[in-house]
Amino acid sequence: MMHLLLISGILYMYPSYFSSFISFIGGLKVVAVFHYIMAIIFTAFFVAHIYLATTGHTMRPLQNAPFRPISASVSNFNPQNTQCIPAVKIFAFLELERN
């Protein structure tokens, strides 16, 4: 994913060097839209992983922080209690089958 963002960024930054390839794939607008979409996906991926990295045993100090994950906001927060994690609540609500 990151390599696609980097390649599209280079194509978008230096269109004169890659003009034949850019015209082959549909023009600079296609490169711009693709780069924008990849940037949004990368940002969401990054934010989600930062959120996931802050859940667990290290969450106690973050309960009083001004910005904290939703799971730390629950009054009965316990890092071992998976019912505090919003994704677990969603999957429990959907009652997905277990193998």
PDB file of N, CA and C in Angstrom:
ATOM      1  N   MET A   1       0.833  -1.181   0.000  1.00  0.00           N
ATOM      2  CA  MET A   1       0.000   0.000   0.000  1.00  0.00           C
ATOM      3  C   MET A   1       0.881   1.249   0.000  1.00  0.00           C
ATOM      4  N   MET A   2       1.878   1.270   0.876  1.00  0.00           N
ATOM      5  CA  MET A   2       2.731   2.446   0.962  1.00  0.00           C
ATOM      6  C   MET A   2       3.510   2.675  -0.340  1.00  0.00           C
ATOM      7  N   HIS A   3       3.921   1.590  -0.972  1.00  0.00           N
ATOM      8  CA  HIS A   3       4.665   1.750  -2.217  1.00  0.00           C
ATOM      9  C   HIS A   3       3.791   2.342  -3.324  1.00  0.00           C
ATOM     10  N   LEU A   4       2.500   2.015  -3.353  1.00  0.00           N
ATOM     11  CA  LEU A   4       1.592   2.611  -4.339  1.00  0.00           C
ATOM     12  C   LEU A   4       1.410   4.101  -4.093  1.00  0.00           C
ATOM     13  N   LEU A   5       1.347   4.476  -2.813  1.00  0.00           N
ATOM     14  CA  LEU A   5       1.232   5.890  -2.466  1.00  0.00           C
ATOM     15  C   LEU A   5       2.488   6.645  -2.878  1.00  0.00           C
ATOM     16  N   LEU A   6       3.639   6.040  -2.646  1.00  0.00           N
ATOM     17  CA  LEU A   6       4.908   6.671  -3.016  1.00  0.00           C
ATOM     18  C   LEU A   6       5.034   6.814  -4.537  1.00  0.00           C
ATOM     19  N   ILE A   7       4.707   5.752  -5.265  1.00  0.00           N
ATOM     20  CA  ILE A   7       4.808   5.803  -6.726  1.00  0.00           C
ATOM     21  C   ILE A   7       3.836   6.829  -7.303  1.00  0.00           C
ATOM     22  N   SER A   8       2.593   6.833  -6.810  1.00  0.00           N
ATOM     23  CA  SER A   8       1.636   7.819  -7.331  1.00  0.00           C
ATOM     24  C   SER A   8       2.044   9.240  -6.956  1.00  0.00           C
ATOM     25  N   GLY A   9       2.662   9.408  -5.794  1.00  0.00           N
ATOM     26  CA  GLY A   9       3.155  10.731  -5.403  1.00  0.00           C
ATOM     27  C   GLY A   9       4.274  11.212  -6.303  1.00  0.00           C
ATOM     28  N   ILE A  10       5.178  10.301  -6.660  1.00  0.00           N
ATOM     29  CA  ILE A  10       6.265  10.672  -7.576  1.00  0.00           C
ATOM     30  C   ILE A  10       5.707  11.009  -8.957  1.00  0.00           C
ATOM     31  N   LEU A  11       4.750  10.216  -9.434  1.00  0.00           N
ATOM     32  CA  LEU A  11       4.118  10.515 -10.725  1.00  0.00           C
ATOM     33  C   LEU A  11       3.412  11.866 -10.698  1.00  0.00           C
ATOM     34  N   TYR A  12       2.760  12.155  -9.585  1.00  0.00           N
ATOM     35  CA  TYR A  12       2.005  13.403  -9.457  1.00  0.00           C
ATOM     36  C   TYR A  12       2.927  14.606  -9.288  1.00  0.00           C
ATOM     37  N   MET A  13       4.085  14.383  -8.657  1.00  0.00           N
ATOM     38  CA  MET A  13       5.013  15.478  -8.422  1.00  0.00           C
ATOM     39  C   MET A  13       5.838  15.836  -9.671  1.00  0.00           C
ATOM     40  N   TYR A  14       6.171  14.816 -10.439  1.00  0.00           N
ATOM     41  CA  TYR A  14       6.998  15.024 -11.638  1.00  0.00           C
ATOM     42  C   TYR A  14       6.289  14.518 -12.898  1.00  0.00           C
ATOM     43  N   PRO A  15       5.193  15.152 -13.294  1.00  0.00           N
ATOM     44  CA  PRO A  15       4.453  14.653 -14.452  1.00  0.00           C
ATOM     45  C   PRO A  15       5.196  14.810 -15.778  1.00  0.00           C
ATOM     46  N   SER A  16       6.119  15.747 -15.853  1.00  0.00           N
ATOM     47  CA  SER A  16       6.832  15.950 -17.117  1.00  0.00           C
ATOM     48  C   SER A  16       7.790  14.797 -17.413  1.00  0.00           C
ATOM     49  N   TYR A  17       8.333  14.180 -16.377  1.00  0.00           N
ATOM     50  CA  TYR A  17       9.246  13.054 -16.583  1.00  0.00           C
ATOM     51  C   TYR A  17       8.510  11.774 -16.976  1.00  0.00           C
ATOM     52  N   PHE A  18       7.275  11.641 -16.532  1.00  0.00           N
ATOM     53  CA  PHE A  18       6.507  10.415 -16.760  1.00  0.00           C
ATOM     54  C   PHE A  18       5.271  10.686 -17.609  1.00  0.00           C
ATOM     55  N   SER A  19       5.353  11.647 -18.519  1.00  0.00           N
ATOM     56  CA  SER A  19       4.168  12.066 -19.280  1.00  0.00           C
ATOM     57  C   SER A  19       3.589  10.944 -20.133  1.00  0.00           C
ATOM     58  N   SER A  20       4.428  10.094 -20.725  1.00  0.00           N
ATOM     59  CA  SER A  20       3.895   9.011 -21.561  1.00  0.00           C
ATOM     60  C   SER A  20       3.148   7.985 -20.720  1.00  0.00           C
ATOM     61  N   PHE A  21       3.671   7.652 -19.547  1.00  0.00           N
ATOM     62  CA  PHE A  21       2.985   6.685 -18.679  1.00  0.00           C
ATOM     63  C   PHE A  21       1.697   7.281 -18.110  1.00  0.00           C
ATOM     64  N   ILE A  22       1.743   8.552 -17.733  1.00  0.00           N
ATOM     65  CA  ILE A  22       0.558   9.210 -17.185  1.00  0.00           C
ATOM     66  C   ILE A  22      -0.553   9.280 -18.228  1.00  0.00           C
ATOM     67  N   SER A  23      -0.200   9.586 -19.472  1.00  0.00           N
ATOM     68  CA  SER A  23      -1.228   9.617 -20.522  1.00  0.00           C
ATOM     69  C   SER A  23      -1.741   8.209 -20.812  1.00  0.00           C
ATOM     70  N   PHE A  24      -0.900   7.191 -20.643  1.00  0.00           N
ATOM     71  CA  PHE A  24      -1.318   5.807 -20.859  1.00  0.00           C
ATOM     72  C   PHE A  24      -2.370   5.367 -19.842  1.00  0.00           C
ATOM     73  N   ILE A  25      -2.213   5.801 -18.585  1.00  0.00           N
ATOM     74  CA  ILE A  25      -3.161   5.366 -17.546  1.00  0.00           C
ATOM     75  C   ILE A  25      -4.392   6.262 -17.439  1.00  0.00           C
ATOM     76  N   GLY A  26      -4.455   7.330 -18.206  1.00  0.00           N
ATOM     77  CA  GLY A  26      -5.681   8.119 -18.232  1.00  0.00           C
ATOM     78  C   GLY A  26      -5.516   9.582 -17.897  1.00  0.00           C
ATOM     79  N   GLY A  27      -4.324  10.037 -17.640  1.00  0.00           N
ATOM     80  CA  GLY A  27      -4.111  11.451 -17.383  1.00  0.00           C
ATOM     81  C   GLY A  27      -3.746  11.742 -15.943  1.00  0.00           C
ATOM     82  N   LEU A  28      -3.416  12.993 -15.722  1.00  0.00           N
ATOM     83  CA  LEU A  28      -2.972  13.427 -14.406  1.00  0.00           C
ATOM     84  C   LEU A  28      -4.095  13.396 -13.377  1.00  0.00           C
ATOM     85  N   LYS A  29      -5.327  13.574 -13.831  1.00  0.00           N
ATOM     86  CA  LYS A  29      -6.451  13.535 -12.901  1.00  0.00           C
ATOM     87  C   LYS A  29      -6.615  12.142 -12.295  1.00  0.00           C
ATOM     88  N   VAL A  30      -6.377  11.105 -13.091  1.00  0.00           N
ATOM     89  CA  VAL A  30      -6.447   9.726 -12.587  1.00  0.00           C
ATOM     90  C   VAL A  30      -5.374   9.515 -11.523  1.00  0.00           C
ATOM     91  N   VAL A  31      -4.177  10.027 -11.777  1.00  0.00           N
ATOM     92  CA  VAL A  31      -3.088   9.901 -10.804  1.00  0.00           C
ATOM     93  C   VAL A  31      -3.443  10.655  -9.520  1.00  0.00           C
ATOM     94  N   ALA A  32      -4.009  11.840  -9.655  1.00  0.00           N
ATOM     95  CA  ALA A  32      -4.370  12.645  -8.495  1.00  0.00           C
ATOM     96  C   ALA A  32      -5.440  11.965  -7.648  1.00  0.00           C
ATOM     97  N   VAL A  33      -6.469  11.438  -8.285  1.00  0.00           N
ATOM     98  CA  VAL A  33      -7.540  10.764  -7.549  1.00  0.00           C
ATOM     99  C   VAL A  33      -7.017   9.503  -6.884  1.00  0.00           C
ATOM    100  N   PHE A  34      -6.210   8.723  -7.599  1.00  0.00           N
ATOM    101  CA  PHE A  34      -5.626   7.512  -7.023  1.00  0.00           C
ATOM    102  C   PHE A  34      -4.739   7.847  -5.830  1.00  0.00           C
ATOM    103  N   HIS A  35      -3.925   8.881  -5.954  1.00  0.00           N
ATOM    104  CA  HIS A  35      -3.043   9.291  -4.861  1.00  0.00           C
ATOM    105  C   HIS A  35      -3.861   9.750  -3.656  1.00  0.00           C
ATOM    106  N   TYR A  36      -4.928  10.481  -3.897  1.00  0.00           N
ATOM    107  CA  TYR A  36      -5.796  10.951  -2.816  1.00  0.00           C
ATOM    108  C   TYR A  36      -6.448   9.782  -2.086  1.00  0.00           C
ATOM    109  N   ILE A  37      -6.978   8.826  -2.837  1.00  0.00           N
ATOM    110  CA  ILE A  37      -7.620   7.655  -2.232  1.00  0.00           C
ATOM    111  C   ILE A  37      -6.607   6.840  -1.424  1.00  0.00           C
ATOM    112  N   MET A  38      -5.423   6.640  -1.984  1.00  0.00           N
ATOM    113  CA  MET A  38      -4.395   5.888  -1.261  1.00  0.00           C
ATOM    114  C   MET A  38      -3.952   6.626   0.005  1.00  0.00           C
ATOM    115  N   ALA A  39      -3.901   7.951  -0.038  1.00  0.00           N
ATOM    116  CA  ALA A  39      -3.534   8.726   1.148  1.00  0.00           C
ATOM    117  C   ALA A  39      -4.582   8.577   2.245  1.00  0.00           C
ATOM    118  N   ILE A  40      -5.857   8.576   1.873  1.00  0.00           N
ATOM    119  CA  ILE A  40      -6.922   8.385   2.858  1.00  0.00           C
ATOM    120  C   ILE A  40      -6.849   6.983   3.462  1.00  0.00           C
ATOM    121  N   ILE A  41      -6.639   5.977   2.634  1.00  0.00           N
ATOM    122  CA  ILE A  41      -6.528   4.605   3.138  1.00  0.00           C
ATOM    123  C   ILE A  41      -5.330   4.475   4.067  1.00  0.00           C
ATOM    124  N   PHE A  42      -4.191   5.046   3.676  1.00  0.00           N
ATOM    125  CA  PHE A  42      -3.004   4.975   4.518  1.00  0.00           C
ATOM    126  C   PHE A  42      -3.227   5.681   5.849  1.00  0.00           C
ATOM    127  N   THR A  43      -3.866   6.849   5.821  1.00  0.00           N
ATOM    128  CA  THR A  43      -4.128   7.584   7.054  1.00  0.00           C
ATOM    129  C   THR A  43      -5.061   6.802   7.967  1.00  0.00           C
ATOM    130  N   ALA A  44      -6.105   6.211   7.408  1.00  0.00           N
ATOM    131  CA  ALA A  44      -7.019   5.393   8.218  1.00  0.00           C
ATOM    132  C   ALA A  44      -6.295   4.178   8.795  1.00  0.00           C
ATOM    133  N   PHE A  45      -5.448   3.551   8.002  1.00  0.00           N
ATOM    134  CA  PHE A  45      -4.659   2.404   8.451  1.00  0.00           C
ATOM    135  C   PHE A  45      -3.750   2.821   9.610  1.00  0.00           C
ATOM    136  N   PHE A  46      -3.098   3.972   9.472  1.00  0.00           N
ATOM    137  CA  PHE A  46      -2.182   4.458  10.500  1.00  0.00           C
ATOM    138  C   PHE A  46      -2.933   4.774  11.793  1.00  0.00           C
ATOM    139  N   VAL A  47      -4.035   5.501  11.689  1.00  0.00           N
ATOM    140  CA  VAL A  47      -4.817   5.876  12.872  1.00  0.00           C
ATOM    141  C   VAL A  47      -5.374   4.636  13.559  1.00  0.00           C
ATOM    142  N   ALA A  48      -5.871   3.679  12.781  1.00  0.00           N
ATOM    143  CA  ALA A  48      -6.410   2.451  13.370  1.00  0.00           C
ATOM    144  C   ALA A  48      -5.329   1.678  14.120  1.00  0.00           C
ATOM    145  N   HIS A  49      -4.143   1.626  13.575  1.00  0.00           N
ATOM    146  CA  HIS A  49      -3.085   0.890  14.253  1.00  0.00           C
ATOM    147  C   HIS A  49      -2.565   1.625  15.485  1.00  0.00           C
ATOM    148  N   ILE A  50      -2.562   2.932  15.465  1.00  0.00           N
ATOM    149  CA  ILE A  50      -2.210   3.675  16.682  1.00  0.00           C
ATOM    150  C   ILE A  50      -3.266   3.414  17.752  1.00  0.00           C
ATOM    151  N   TYR A  51      -4.525   3.419  17.368  1.00  0.00           N
ATOM    152  CA  TYR A  51      -5.603   3.124  18.318  1.00  0.00           C
ATOM    153  C   TYR A  51      -5.449   1.720  18.895  1.00  0.00           C
ATOM    154  N   LEU A  52      -5.207   0.754  18.029  1.00  0.00           N
ATOM    155  CA  LEU A  52      -5.066  -0.620  18.498  1.00  0.00           C
ATOM    156  C   LEU A  52      -3.821  -0.802  19.362  1.00  0.00           C
ATOM    157  N   ALA A  53      -2.782  -0.042  19.081  1.00  0.00           N
ATOM    158  CA  ALA A  53      -1.557  -0.151  19.877  1.00  0.00           C
ATOM    159  C   ALA A  53      -1.728   0.440  21.269  1.00  0.00           C
ATOM    160  N   THR A  54      -2.702   1.311  21.451  1.00  0.00           N
ATOM    161  CA  THR A  54      -2.905   1.922  22.762  1.00  0.00           C
ATOM    162  C   THR A  54      -3.914   1.178  23.609  1.00  0.00           C
ATOM    163  N   THR A  55      -4.478   0.100  23.117  1.00  0.00           N
ATOM    164  CA  THR A  55      -5.379  -0.700  23.940  1.00  0.00           C
ATOM    165  C   THR A  55      -4.577  -1.825  24.570  1.00  0.00           C
ATOM    166  N   GLY A  56      -4.997  -2.242  25.735  1.00  0.00           N
ATOM    167  CA  GLY A  56      -4.289  -3.322  26.418  1.00  0.00           C
ATOM    168  C   GLY A  56      -3.807  -2.892  27.790  1.00  0.00           C
ATOM    169  N   HIS A  57      -2.724  -3.463  28.232  1.00  0.00           N
ATOM    170  CA  HIS A  57      -2.227  -3.233  29.590  1.00  0.00           C
ATOM    171  C   HIS A  57      -1.745  -1.811  29.812  1.00  0.00           C
ATOM    172  N   THR A  58      -1.376  -1.110  28.793  1.00  0.00           N
ATOM    173  CA  THR A  58      -0.833   0.235  28.950  1.00  0.00           C
ATOM    174  C   THR A  58      -1.906   1.316  28.960  1.00  0.00           C
ATOM    175  N   MET A  59      -3.166   0.949  29.011  1.00  0.00           N
ATOM    176  CA  MET A  59      -4.239   1.935  28.895  1.00  0.00           C
ATOM    177  C   MET A  59      -4.557   2.650  30.203  1.00  0.00           C
ATOM    178  N   ARG A  60      -4.176   2.120  31.343  1.00  0.00           N
ATOM    179  CA  ARG A  60      -4.523   2.765  32.617  1.00  0.00           C
ATOM    180  C   ARG A  60      -4.114   4.236  32.665  1.00  0.00           C
ATOM    181  N   PRO A  61      -2.887   4.621  32.294  1.00  0.00           N
ATOM    182  CA  PRO A  61      -2.535   6.045  32.342  1.00  0.00           C
ATOM    183  C   PRO A  61      -3.342   6.897  31.362  1.00  0.00           C
ATOM    184  N   LEU A  62      -3.866   6.304  30.302  1.00  0.00           N
ATOM    185  CA  LEU A  62      -4.595   7.082  29.299  1.00  0.00           C
ATOM    186  C   LEU A  62      -6.058   7.318  29.668  1.00  0.00           C
ATOM    187  N   GLN A  63      -6.529   6.716  30.764  1.00  0.00           N
ATOM    188  CA  GLN A  63      -7.931   6.913  31.123  1.00  0.00           C
ATOM    189  C   GLN A  63      -8.224   8.365  31.480  1.00  0.00           C
ATOM    190  N   ASN A  64      -7.254   9.075  32.006  1.00  0.00           N
ATOM    191  CA  ASN A  64      -7.466  10.465  32.392  1.00  0.00           C
ATOM    192  C   ASN A  64      -6.926  11.441  31.358  1.00  0.00           C
ATOM    193  N   ALA A  65      -6.457  10.948  30.233  1.00  0.00           N
ATOM    194  CA  ALA A  65      -5.915  11.809  29.181  1.00  0.00           C
ATOM    195  C   ALA A  65      -7.048  12.552  28.472  1.00  0.00           C
ATOM    196  N   PRO A  66      -6.773  13.752  27.955  1.00  0.00           N
ATOM    197  CA  PRO A  66      -7.833  14.496  27.264  1.00  0.00           C
ATOM    198  C   PRO A  66      -8.310  13.814  25.983  1.00  0.00           C
ATOM    199  N   PHE A  67      -7.417  13.111  25.281  1.00  0.00           N
ATOM    200  CA  PHE A  67      -7.781  12.362  24.085  1.00  0.00           C
ATOM    201  C   PHE A  67      -7.469  10.912  24.355  1.00  0.00           C
ATOM    202  N   ARG A  68      -8.478  10.076  24.333  1.00  0.00           N
ATOM    203  CA  ARG A  68      -8.256   8.668  24.644  1.00  0.00           C
ATOM    204  C   ARG A  68      -9.151   7.810  23.772  1.00  0.00           C
ATOM    205  N   PRO A  69      -8.769   6.551  23.586  1.00  0.00           N
ATOM    206  CA  PRO A  69      -9.618   5.642  22.818  1.00  0.00           C
ATOM    207  C   PRO A  69     -10.967   5.452  23.502  1.00  0.00           C
ATOM    208  N   ILE A  70     -11.965   5.115  22.722  1.00  0.00           N
ATOM    209  CA  ILE A  70     -13.317   4.933  23.243  1.00  0.00           C
ATOM    210  C   ILE A  70     -13.337   3.864  24.327  1.00  0.00           C
ATOM    211  N   SER A  71     -12.545   2.811  24.161  1.00  0.00           N
ATOM    212  CA  SER A  71     -12.569   1.714  25.125  1.00  0.00           C
ATOM    213  C   SER A  71     -12.076   2.150  26.501  1.00  0.00           C
ATOM    214  N   ALA A  72     -11.248   3.201  26.581  1.00  0.00           N
ATOM    215  CA  ALA A  72     -10.770   3.681  27.875  1.00  0.00           C
ATOM    216  C   ALA A  72     -11.774   4.604  28.540  1.00  0.00           C
ATOM    217  N   SER A  73     -12.808   5.020  27.822  1.00  0.00           N
ATOM    218  CA  SER A  73     -13.800   5.941  28.368  1.00  0.00           C
ATOM    219  C   SER A  73     -14.862   5.232  29.202  1.00  0.00           C
ATOM    220  N   VAL A  74     -14.951   3.933  29.082  1.00  0.00           N
ATOM    221  CA  VAL A  74     -15.975   3.173  29.787  1.00  0.00           C
ATOM    222  C   VAL A  74     -15.653   3.187  31.275  1.00  0.00           C
ATOM    223  N   SER A  75     -16.662   3.368  32.106  1.00  0.00           N
ATOM    224  CA  SER A  75     -16.421   3.476  33.543  1.00  0.00           C
ATOM    225  C   SER A  75     -15.862   2.188  34.143  1.00  0.00           C
ATOM    226  N   ASN A  76     -16.248   1.038  33.615  1.00  0.00           N
ATOM    227  CA  ASN A  76     -15.751  -0.228  34.146  1.00  0.00           C
ATOM    228  C   ASN A  76     -14.612  -0.764  33.286  1.00  0.00           C
ATOM    229  N   PHE A  77     -13.704   0.116  32.868  1.00  0.00           N
ATOM    230  CA  PHE A  77     -12.621  -0.277  31.970  1.00  0.00           C
ATOM    231  C   PHE A  77     -11.677  -1.252  32.651  1.00  0.00           C
ATOM    232  N   ASN A  78     -11.401  -2.327  31.954  1.00  0.00           N
ATOM    233  CA  ASN A  78     -10.417  -3.309  32.379  1.00  0.00           C
ATOM    234  C   ASN A  78      -9.752  -3.816  31.112  1.00  0.00           C
ATOM    235  N   PRO A  79      -8.420  -3.723  31.006  1.00  0.00           N
ATOM    236  CA  PRO A  79      -7.766  -4.156  29.773  1.00  0.00           C
ATOM    237  C   PRO A  79      -8.028  -5.615  29.418  1.00  0.00           C
ATOM    238  N   GLN A  80      -8.317  -6.436  30.412  1.00  0.00           N
ATOM    239  CA  GLN A  80      -8.587  -7.849  30.158  1.00  0.00           C
ATOM    240  C   GLN A  80     -10.037  -8.085  29.721  1.00  0.00           C
ATOM    241  N   ASN A  81     -10.899  -7.108  29.927  1.00  0.00           N
ATOM    242  CA  ASN A  81     -12.309  -7.238  29.595  1.00  0.00           C
ATOM    243  C   ASN A  81     -12.515  -6.828  28.138  1.00  0.00           C
ATOM    244  N   THR A  82     -12.725  -7.791  27.277  1.00  0.00           N
ATOM    245  CA  THR A  82     -12.882  -7.484  25.854  1.00  0.00           C
ATOM    246  C   THR A  82     -14.241  -6.856  25.549  1.00  0.00           C
ATOM    247  N   GLN A  83     -15.161  -6.861  26.483  1.00  0.00           N
ATOM    248  CA  GLN A  83     -16.462  -6.246  26.244  1.00  0.00           C
ATOM    249  C   GLN A  83     -16.370  -4.721  26.196  1.00  0.00           C
ATOM    250  N   CYS A  84     -15.228  -4.140  26.629  1.00  0.00           N
ATOM    251  CA  CYS A  84     -15.042  -2.690  26.570  1.00  0.00           C
ATOM    252  C   CYS A  84     -14.627  -2.224  25.175  1.00  0.00           C
ATOM    253  N   ILE A  85     -14.236  -3.143  24.320  1.00  0.00           N
ATOM    254  CA  ILE A  85     -13.754  -2.787  22.996  1.00  0.00           C
ATOM    255  C   ILE A  85     -14.956  -2.670  22.060  1.00  0.00           C
ATOM    256  N   PRO A  86     -15.134  -1.516  21.385  1.00  0.00           N
ATOM    257  CA  PRO A  86     -16.319  -1.307  20.534  1.00  0.00           C
ATOM    258  C   PRO A  86     -16.494  -2.362  19.448  1.00  0.00           C
ATOM    259  N   ALA A  87     -15.403  -2.833  18.840  1.00  0.00           N
ATOM    260  CA  ALA A  87     -15.528  -3.832  17.777  1.00  0.00           C
ATOM    261  C   ALA A  87     -16.103  -5.131  18.321  1.00  0.00           C
ATOM    262  N   VAL A  88     -15.749  -5.496  19.544  1.00  0.00           N
ATOM    263  CA  VAL A  88     -16.285  -6.714  20.151  1.00  0.00           C
ATOM    264  C   VAL A  88     -17.774  -6.561  20.375  1.00  0.00           C
ATOM    265  N   LYS A  89     -18.208  -5.385  20.799  1.00  0.00           N
ATOM    266  CA  LYS A  89     -19.640  -5.142  21.000  1.00  0.00           C
ATOM    267  C   LYS A  89     -20.401  -5.268  19.680  1.00  0.00           C
ATOM    268  N   ILE A  90     -19.814  -4.761  18.607  1.00  0.00           N
ATOM    269  CA  ILE A  90     -20.473  -4.833  17.299  1.00  0.00           C
ATOM    270  C   ILE A  90     -20.608  -6.285  16.851  1.00  0.00           C
ATOM    271  N   PHE A  91     -19.513  -7.051  16.955  1.00  0.00           N
ATOM    272  CA  PHE A  91     -19.567  -8.448  16.535  1.00  0.00           C
ATOM    273  C   PHE A  91     -20.491  -9.270  17.428  1.00  0.00           C
ATOM    274  N   ALA A  92     -20.545  -8.944  18.702  1.00  0.00           N
ATOM    275  CA  ALA A  92     -21.463  -9.643  19.594  1.00  0.00           C
ATOM    276  C   ALA A  92     -22.905  -9.312  19.227  1.00  0.00           C
ATOM    277  N   PHE A  93     -23.141  -8.059  18.830  1.00  0.00           N
ATOM    278  CA  PHE A  93     -24.477  -7.653  18.416  1.00  0.00           C
ATOM    279  C   PHE A  93     -24.890  -8.381  17.138  1.00  0.00           C
ATOM    280  N   LEU A  94     -23.958  -8.547  16.226  1.00  0.00           N
ATOM    281  CA  LEU A  94     -24.263  -9.220  14.966  1.00  0.00           C
ATOM    282  C   LEU A  94     -24.385 -10.732  15.131  1.00  0.00           C
ATOM    283  N   GLU A  95     -23.908 -11.253  16.265  1.00  0.00           N
ATOM    284  CA  GLU A  95     -23.956 -12.678  16.564  1.00  0.00           C
ATOM    285  C   GLU A  95     -23.389 -13.494  15.414  1.00  0.00           C
ATOM    286  N   LEU A  96     -22.164 -13.185  15.057  1.00  0.00           N
ATOM    287  CA  LEU A  96     -21.497 -13.918  13.981  1.00  0.00           C
ATOM    288  C   LEU A  96     -21.204 -15.335  14.443  1.00  0.00           C
ATOM    289  N   GLU A  97     -21.253 -16.252  13.491  1.00  0.00           N
ATOM    290  CA  GLU A  97     -21.004 -17.653  13.813  1.00  0.00           C
ATOM    291  C   GLU A  97     -19.550 -17.871  14.152  1.00  0.00           C
ATOM    292  N   ARG A  98     -19.319 -18.764  15.107  1.00  0.00           N
ATOM    293  CA  ARG A  98     -17.963 -19.138  15.474  1.00  0.00           C
ATOM    294  C   ARG A  98     -17.705 -20.543  14.981  1.00  0.00           C
ATOM    295  N   ASN A  99     -16.470 -20.758  14.509  1.00  0.00           N
ATOM    296  CA  ASN A  99     -16.108 -22.097  14.006  1.00  0.00           C
ATOM    297  C   ASN A  99     -15.629 -22.964  15.123  1.00  0.00           C
TER     298      ASN A  99
END
